[in-house]
Structure formats: structure tokens, C-alpha cells
PDB file of N, CA and C in Angstrom:
ATOM      1  N   GLU A   1       3.870  57.829  19.082  1.00  0.00           N
ATOM      2  CA  GLU A   1       5.151  57.257  18.672  1.00  0.00           C
ATOM      3  C   GLU A   1       6.118  58.387  18.364  1.00  0.00           C
ATOM      4  N   SER A   2       7.383  58.074  18.320  1.00  0.00           N
ATOM      5  CA  SER A   2       8.429  59.089  18.150  1.00  0.00           C
ATOM      6  C   SER A   2       8.705  59.451  16.697  1.00  0.00           C
ATOM      7  N   VAL A   3       7.993  58.840  15.760  1.00  0.00           N
ATOM      8  CA  VAL A   3       8.208  59.157  14.349  1.00  0.00           C
ATOM      9  C   VAL A   3       6.853  59.256  13.642  1.00  0.00           C
ATOM     10  N   VAL A   4       6.771  60.218  12.739  1.00  0.00           N
ATOM     11  CA  VAL A   4       5.573  60.398  11.926  1.00  0.00           C
ATOM     12  C   VAL A   4       5.998  60.219  10.470  1.00  0.00           C
ATOM     13  N   CYS A   5       5.275  59.387   9.744  1.00  0.00           N
ATOM     14  CA  CYS A   5       5.596  59.124   8.338  1.00  0.00           C
ATOM     15  C   CYS A   5       4.386  59.451   7.480  1.00  0.00           C
ATOM     16  N   GLY A   6       4.634  59.961   6.299  1.00  0.00           N
ATOM     17  CA  GLY A   6       3.539  60.264   5.384  1.00  0.00           C
ATOM     18  C   GLY A   6       4.078  60.713   4.045  1.00  0.00           C
ATOM     19  N   THR A   7       3.174  61.113   3.181  1.00  0.00           N
ATOM     20  CA  THR A   7       3.583  61.630   1.888  1.00  0.00           C
ATOM     21  C   THR A   7       3.347  63.135   1.874  1.00  0.00           C
ATOM     22  N   ALA A   8       4.144  63.821   1.091  1.00  0.00           N
ATOM     23  CA  ALA A   8       4.058  65.277   0.991  1.00  0.00           C
ATOM     24  C   ALA A   8       4.621  65.697  -0.353  1.00  0.00           C
ATOM     25  N   ARG A   9       4.489  66.959  -0.643  1.00  0.00           N
ATOM     26  CA  ARG A   9       5.121  67.527  -1.836  1.00  0.00           C
ATOM     27  C   ARG A   9       6.200  68.488  -1.370  1.00  0.00           C
ATOM     28  N   VAL A  10       7.388  68.293  -1.899  1.00  0.00           N
ATOM     29  CA  VAL A  10       8.520  69.161  -1.591  1.00  0.00           C
ATOM     30  C   VAL A  10       8.889  69.864  -2.895  1.00  0.00           C
ATOM     31  N   ALA A  11       8.694  71.163  -2.941  1.00  0.00           N
ATOM     32  CA  ALA A  11       8.914  71.941  -4.165  1.00  0.00           C
ATOM     33  C   ALA A  11       8.118  71.349  -5.325  1.00  0.00           C
ATOM     34  N   GLY A  12       6.916  70.857  -5.013  1.00  0.00           N
ATOM     35  CA  GLY A  12       6.039  70.305  -6.040  1.00  0.00           C
ATOM     36  C   GLY A  12       6.301  68.859  -6.399  1.00  0.00           C
ATOM     37  N   ILE A  13       7.319  68.248  -5.813  1.00  0.00           N
ATOM     38  CA  ILE A  13       7.675  66.858  -6.119  1.00  0.00           C
ATOM     39  C   ILE A  13       7.129  65.953  -5.015  1.00  0.00           C
ATOM     40  N   PRO A  14       6.343  64.931  -5.359  1.00  0.00           N
ATOM     41  CA  PRO A  14       5.839  64.008  -4.340  1.00  0.00           C
ATOM     42  C   PRO A  14       7.008  63.272  -3.674  1.00  0.00           C
ATOM     43  N   ALA A  15       6.887  63.072  -2.359  1.00  0.00           N
ATOM     44  CA  ALA A  15       7.948  62.405  -1.604  1.00  0.00           C
ATOM     45  C   ALA A  15       7.349  61.748  -0.363  1.00  0.00           C
ATOM     46  N   VAL A  16       8.101  60.827   0.209  1.00  0.00           N
ATOM     47  CA  VAL A  16       7.757  60.242   1.503  1.00  0.00           C
ATOM     48  C   VAL A  16       8.525  61.038   2.548  1.00  0.00           C
ATOM     49  N   LEU A  17       7.814  61.473   3.570  1.00  0.00           N
ATOM     50  CA  LEU A  17       8.411  62.286   4.628  1.00  0.00           C
ATOM     51  C   LEU A  17       8.455  61.478   5.921  1.00  0.00           C
ATOM     52  N   ILE A  18       9.620  61.469   6.552  1.00  0.00           N
ATOM     53  CA  ILE A  18       9.806  60.815   7.849  1.00  0.00           C
ATOM     54  C   ILE A  18      10.293  61.884   8.813  1.00  0.00           C
ATOM     55  N   ALA A  19       9.537  62.125   9.885  1.00  0.00           N
ATOM     56  CA  ALA A  19       9.909  63.158  10.852  1.00  0.00           C
ATOM     57  C   ALA A  19       9.908  62.583  12.256  1.00  0.00           C
ATOM     58  N   PHE A  20      11.040  62.685  12.931  1.00  0.00           N
ATOM     59  CA  PHE A  20      11.136  62.242  14.318  1.00  0.00           C
ATOM     60  C   PHE A  20      10.597  63.330  15.230  1.00  0.00           C
ATOM     61  N   GLU A  21       9.883  62.941  16.263  1.00  0.00           N
ATOM     62  CA  GLU A  21       9.328  63.865  17.244  1.00  0.00           C
ATOM     63  C   GLU A  21      10.154  63.770  18.520  1.00  0.00           C
ATOM     64  N   PHE A  22      11.107  64.718  18.669  1.00  0.00           N
ATOM     65  CA  PHE A  22      12.008  64.672  19.823  1.00  0.00           C
ATOM     66  C   PHE A  22      11.246  64.862  21.131  1.00  0.00           C
ATOM     67  N   GLY A  23      10.082  65.491  21.067  1.00  0.00           N
ATOM     68  CA  GLY A  23       9.283  65.711  22.273  1.00  0.00           C
ATOM     69  C   GLY A  23       8.699  64.437  22.856  1.00  0.00           C
ATOM     70  N   PHE A  24       8.714  63.339  22.106  1.00  0.00           N
ATOM     71  CA  PHE A  24       8.212  62.055  22.598  1.00  0.00           C
ATOM     72  C   PHE A  24       9.400  61.156  22.907  1.00  0.00           C
ATOM     73  N   LEU A  25       9.720  61.018  24.162  1.00  0.00           N
ATOM     74  CA  LEU A  25      10.832  60.165  24.628  1.00  0.00           C
ATOM     75  C   LEU A  25      12.142  60.480  23.907  1.00  0.00           C
ATOM     76  N   GLY A  26      12.371  61.745  23.631  1.00  0.00           N
ATOM     77  CA  GLY A  26      13.614  62.151  22.988  1.00  0.00           C
ATOM     78  C   GLY A  26      13.773  61.624  21.572  1.00  0.00           C
ATOM     79  N   GLY A  27      12.655  61.335  20.908  1.00  0.00           N
ATOM     80  CA  GLY A  27      12.721  60.821  19.542  1.00  0.00           C
ATOM     81  C   GLY A  27      13.370  59.452  19.460  1.00  0.00           C
ATOM     82  N   SER A  28      13.324  58.713  20.559  1.00  0.00           N
ATOM     83  CA  SER A  28      14.036  57.433  20.619  1.00  0.00           C
ATOM     84  C   SER A  28      13.396  56.361  19.749  1.00  0.00           C
ATOM     85  N   LEU A  29      14.213  55.393  19.357  1.00  0.00           N
ATOM     86  CA  LEU A  29      13.788  54.301  18.487  1.00  0.00           C
ATOM     87  C   LEU A  29      13.371  53.102  19.319  1.00  0.00           C
ATOM     88  N   GLY A  30      12.184  52.619  19.047  1.00  0.00           N
ATOM     89  CA  GLY A  30      11.698  51.384  19.644  1.00  0.00           C
ATOM     90  C   GLY A  30      11.292  50.434  18.537  1.00  0.00           C
ATOM     91  N   GLU A  31      10.738  49.286  18.917  1.00  0.00           N
ATOM     92  CA  GLU A  31      10.361  48.288  17.913  1.00  0.00           C
ATOM     93  C   GLU A  31       9.290  48.835  16.961  1.00  0.00           C
ATOM     94  N   ARG A  32       8.299  49.524  17.472  1.00  0.00           N
ATOM     95  CA  ARG A  32       7.241  50.088  16.625  1.00  0.00           C
ATOM     96  C   ARG A  32       7.797  51.163  15.689  1.00  0.00           C
ATOM     97  N   THR A  33       8.755  51.942  16.167  1.00  0.00           N
ATOM     98  CA  THR A  33       9.386  52.957  15.323  1.00  0.00           C
ATOM     99  C   THR A  33      10.035  52.288  14.113  1.00  0.00           C
ATOM    100  N   GLY A  34      10.728  51.186  14.351  1.00  0.00           N
ATOM    101  CA  GLY A  34      11.353  50.446  13.263  1.00  0.00           C
ATOM    102  C   GLY A  34      10.335  49.962  12.245  1.00  0.00           C
ATOM    103  N   ASP A  35       9.186  49.471  12.736  1.00  0.00           N
ATOM    104  CA  ASP A  35       8.127  49.029  11.832  1.00  0.00           C
ATOM    105  C   ASP A  35       7.644  50.171  10.941  1.00  0.00           C
ATOM    106  N   LEU A  36       7.472  51.362  11.532  1.00  0.00           N
ATOM    107  CA  LEU A  36       7.015  52.523  10.766  1.00  0.00           C
ATOM    108  C   LEU A  36       8.042  52.944   9.718  1.00  0.00           C
ATOM    109  N   LEU A  37       9.326  52.914  10.085  1.00  0.00           N
ATOM    110  CA  LEU A  37      10.379  53.295   9.143  1.00  0.00           C
ATOM    111  C   LEU A  37      10.454  52.318   7.970  1.00  0.00           C
ATOM    112  N   VAL A  38      10.380  51.027   8.268  1.00  0.00           N
ATOM    113  CA  VAL A  38      10.415  50.011   7.208  1.00  0.00           C
ATOM    114  C   VAL A  38       9.226  50.199   6.267  1.00  0.00           C
ATOM    115  N   ALA A  39       8.042  50.474   6.815  1.00  0.00           N
ATOM    116  CA  ALA A  39       6.848  50.674   5.992  1.00  0.00           C
ATOM    117  C   ALA A  39       6.996  51.920   5.111  1.00  0.00           C
ATOM    118  N   ALA A  40       7.564  52.983   5.658  1.00  0.00           N
ATOM    119  CA  ALA A  40       7.750  54.213   4.877  1.00  0.00           C
ATOM    120  C   ALA A  40       8.710  53.980   3.712  1.00  0.00           C
ATOM    121  N   TYR A  41       9.822  53.300   3.965  1.00  0.00           N
ATOM    122  CA  TYR A  41      10.778  53.026   2.895  1.00  0.00           C
ATOM    123  C   TYR A  41      10.192  52.059   1.857  1.00  0.00           C
ATOM    124  N   ALA A  42       9.405  51.082   2.303  1.00  0.00           N
ATOM    125  CA  ALA A  42       8.769  50.155   1.364  1.00  0.00           C
ATOM    126  C   ALA A  42       7.788  50.903   0.460  1.00  0.00           C
ATOM    127  N   HIS A  43       7.026  51.819   1.040  1.00  0.00           N
ATOM    128  CA  HIS A  43       6.080  52.623   0.243  1.00  0.00           C
ATOM    129  C   HIS A  43       6.846  53.471  -0.778  1.00  0.00           C
ATOM    130  N   ALA A  44       7.952  54.059  -0.352  1.00  0.00           N
ATOM    131  CA  ALA A  44       8.757  54.889  -1.256  1.00  0.00           C
ATOM    132  C   ALA A  44       9.307  54.053  -2.418  1.00  0.00           C
ATOM    133  N   ARG A  45       9.801  52.861  -2.123  1.00  0.00           N
ATOM    134  CA  ARG A  45      10.323  51.994  -3.184  1.00  0.00           C
ATOM    135  C   ARG A  45       9.210  51.569  -4.143  1.00  0.00           C
ATOM    136  N   GLU A  46       8.077  51.186  -3.562  1.00  0.00           N
ATOM    137  CA  GLU A  46       6.959  50.703  -4.375  1.00  0.00           C
ATOM    138  C   GLU A  46       6.445  51.771  -5.332  1.00  0.00           C
ATOM    139  N   HIS A  47       6.437  53.013  -4.878  1.00  0.00           N
ATOM    140  CA  HIS A  47       5.914  54.113  -5.694  1.00  0.00           C
ATOM    141  C   HIS A  47       7.012  54.970  -6.327  1.00  0.00           C
ATOM    142  N   ARG A  48       8.264  54.511  -6.169  1.00  0.00           N
ATOM    143  CA  ARG A  48       9.428  55.204  -6.743  1.00  0.00           C
ATOM    144  C   ARG A  48       9.462  56.679  -6.338  1.00  0.00           C
ATOM    145  N   LEU A  49       9.336  56.918  -5.025  1.00  0.00           N
ATOM    146  CA  LEU A  49       9.348  58.270  -4.473  1.00  0.00           C
ATOM    147  C   LEU A  49      10.630  58.512  -3.691  1.00  0.00           C
ATOM    148  N   PRO A  50      11.122  59.738  -3.704  1.00  0.00           N
ATOM    149  CA  PRO A  50      12.263  60.070  -2.846  1.00  0.00           C
ATOM    150  C   PRO A  50      11.824  60.094  -1.378  1.00  0.00           C
ATOM    151  N   VAL A  51      12.793  59.938  -0.480  1.00  0.00           N
ATOM    152  CA  VAL A  51      12.526  59.968   0.962  1.00  0.00           C
ATOM    153  C   VAL A  51      13.218  61.189   1.563  1.00  0.00           C
ATOM    154  N   VAL A  52      12.471  61.951   2.343  1.00  0.00           N
ATOM    155  CA  VAL A  52      13.025  63.088   3.076  1.00  0.00           C
ATOM    156  C   VAL A  52      12.930  62.732   4.550  1.00  0.00           C
ATOM    157  N   SER A  53      14.079  62.642   5.224  1.00  0.00           N
ATOM    158  CA  SER A  53      14.118  62.288   6.648  1.00  0.00           C
ATOM    159  C   SER A  53      14.511  63.494   7.481  1.00  0.00           C
ATOM    160  N   LEU A  54      13.726  63.777   8.486  1.00  0.00           N
ATOM    161  CA  LEU A  54      14.031  64.835   9.448  1.00  0.00           C
ATOM    162  C   LEU A  54      14.349  64.125  10.764  1.00  0.00           C
ATOM    163  N   VAL A  55      15.621  63.862  10.982  1.00  0.00           N
ATOM    164  CA  VAL A  55      16.056  63.026  12.097  1.00  0.00           C
ATOM    165  C   VAL A  55      16.412  63.881  13.310  1.00  0.00           C
ATOM    166  N   ALA A  56      15.777  63.562  14.431  1.00  0.00           N
ATOM    167  CA  ALA A  56      16.085  64.183  15.721  1.00  0.00           C
ATOM    168  C   ALA A  56      15.831  63.109  16.769  1.00  0.00           C
ATOM    169  N   THR A  57      16.854  62.318  17.063  1.00  0.00           N
ATOM    170  CA  THR A  57      16.672  61.180  17.953  1.00  0.00           C
ATOM    171  C   THR A  57      17.747  61.135  19.027  1.00  0.00           C
ATOM    172  N   GLY A  58      17.356  60.632  20.166  1.00  0.00           N
ATOM    173  CA  GLY A  58      18.287  60.438  21.273  1.00  0.00           C
ATOM    174  C   GLY A  58      18.864  59.029  21.284  1.00  0.00           C
ATOM    175  N   GLY A  59      18.492  58.202  20.306  1.00  0.00           N
ATOM    176  CA  GLY A  59      19.021  56.845  20.232  1.00  0.00           C
ATOM    177  C   GLY A  59      17.943  55.802  20.464  1.00  0.00           C
ATOM    178  N   SER A  60      18.360  54.626  20.900  1.00  0.00           N
ATOM    179  CA  SER A  60      17.439  53.510  21.120  1.00  0.00           C
ATOM    180  C   SER A  60      16.848  53.561  22.528  1.00  0.00           C
ATOM    181  N   ARG A  61      15.696  52.937  22.674  1.00  0.00           N
ATOM    182  CA  ARG A  61      15.041  52.850  23.985  1.00  0.00           C
ATOM    183  C   ARG A  61      15.629  51.675  24.765  1.00  0.00           C
ATOM    184  N   MET A  62      16.394  52.004  25.758  1.00  0.00           N
ATOM    185  CA  MET A  62      17.061  50.960  26.547  1.00  0.00           C
ATOM    186  C   MET A  62      16.060  50.047  27.248  1.00  0.00           C
ATOM    187  N   GLN A  63      14.891  50.579  27.600  1.00  0.00           N
ATOM    188  CA  GLN A  63      13.905  49.760  28.298  1.00  0.00           C
ATOM    189  C   GLN A  63      13.328  48.654  27.416  1.00  0.00           C
ATOM    190  N   GLU A  64      13.533  48.760  26.087  1.00  0.00           N
ATOM    191  CA  GLU A  64      13.064  47.721  25.178  1.00  0.00           C
ATOM    192  C   GLU A  64      14.157  46.707  24.845  1.00  0.00           C
ATOM    193  N   GLY A  65      15.356  46.915  25.346  1.00  0.00           N
ATOM    194  CA  GLY A  65      16.432  45.946  25.183  1.00  0.00           C
ATOM    195  C   GLY A  65      16.947  45.818  23.757  1.00  0.00           C
ATOM    196  N   MET A  66      17.350  44.598  23.401  1.00  0.00           N
ATOM    197  CA  MET A  66      17.975  44.335  22.104  1.00  0.00           C
ATOM    198  C   MET A  66      17.049  44.622  20.925  1.00  0.00           C
ATOM    199  N   LEU A  67      15.737  44.453  21.107  1.00  0.00           N
ATOM    200  CA  LEU A  67      14.815  44.732  19.999  1.00  0.00           C
ATOM    201  C   LEU A  67      14.917  46.188  19.560  1.00  0.00           C
ATOM    202  N   ALA A  68      15.068  47.094  20.507  1.00  0.00           N
ATOM    203  CA  ALA A  68      15.206  48.513  20.174  1.00  0.00           C
ATOM    204  C   ALA A  68      16.553  48.788  19.504  1.00  0.00           C
ATOM    205  N   LEU A  69      17.588  48.117  19.961  1.00  0.00           N
ATOM    206  CA  LEU A  69      18.920  48.345  19.400  1.00  0.00           C
ATOM    207  C   LEU A  69      19.042  47.929  17.942  1.00  0.00           C
ATOM    208  N   THR A  70      18.225  46.995  17.512  1.00  0.00           N
ATOM    209  CA  THR A  70      18.330  46.495  16.144  1.00  0.00           C
ATOM    210  C   THR A  70      17.461  47.257  15.145  1.00  0.00           C
ATOM    211  N   GLN A  71      16.683  48.235  15.585  1.00  0.00           N
ATOM    212  CA  GLN A  71      15.736  48.898  14.700  1.00  0.00           C
ATOM    213  C   GLN A  71      16.404  49.778  13.640  1.00  0.00           C
ATOM    214  N   LEU A  72      17.437  50.484  13.982  1.00  0.00           N
ATOM    215  CA  LEU A  72      18.060  51.382  13.018  1.00  0.00           C
ATOM    216  C   LEU A  72      18.688  50.600  11.853  1.00  0.00           C
ATOM    217  N   GLN A  73      19.160  49.412  12.089  1.00  0.00           N
ATOM    218  CA  GLN A  73      19.761  48.591  11.036  1.00  0.00           C
ATOM    219  C   GLN A  73      18.723  48.065  10.060  1.00  0.00           C
ATOM    220  N   ARG A  74      17.472  47.994  10.484  1.00  0.00           N
ATOM    221  CA  ARG A  74      16.420  47.493   9.591  1.00  0.00           C
ATOM    222  C   ARG A  74      16.279  48.425   8.435  1.00  0.00           C
TER     223      ARG A  74
END
């Protein structure tokens, strides 16, 4: 998938890390990518953790149609 989510420590502070992998389809957003992002933000809210996003994306996956276009708004 074009995004990797997990927890990490940044300067000793626990955080949720979201990193786009531009090497996979230009870091494009698909339906599964949206699911991963929603899960990462839900985990951060549940555990009251900051979110660090490393965004490198070429946009939505046109081959997935409207479902891909709506992922960033989620």
C-alpha cells in the first residue's frame, strides 16, 4: 500500500506516524489508503497521541474512480 502507519517516539514523545510511500504508485490514495488513514487518526484520538504525517502523494488513483477521490476527505 502507499501509506505506512504506526506508532513511534519523536524526541521521546509517543506519536502516531503516517508516512506515504511515493515509490508505490506515486503515493496515490485509494480506498484501502483511506481506511488506513482513518484507523491511524482513530488510534491517535483514542490514545490522545499527536499525529506526524509525512505526505508525498501524487493524488487519487483514477483507476478506482469516485471511491478514490473521496478518501482524502475522510
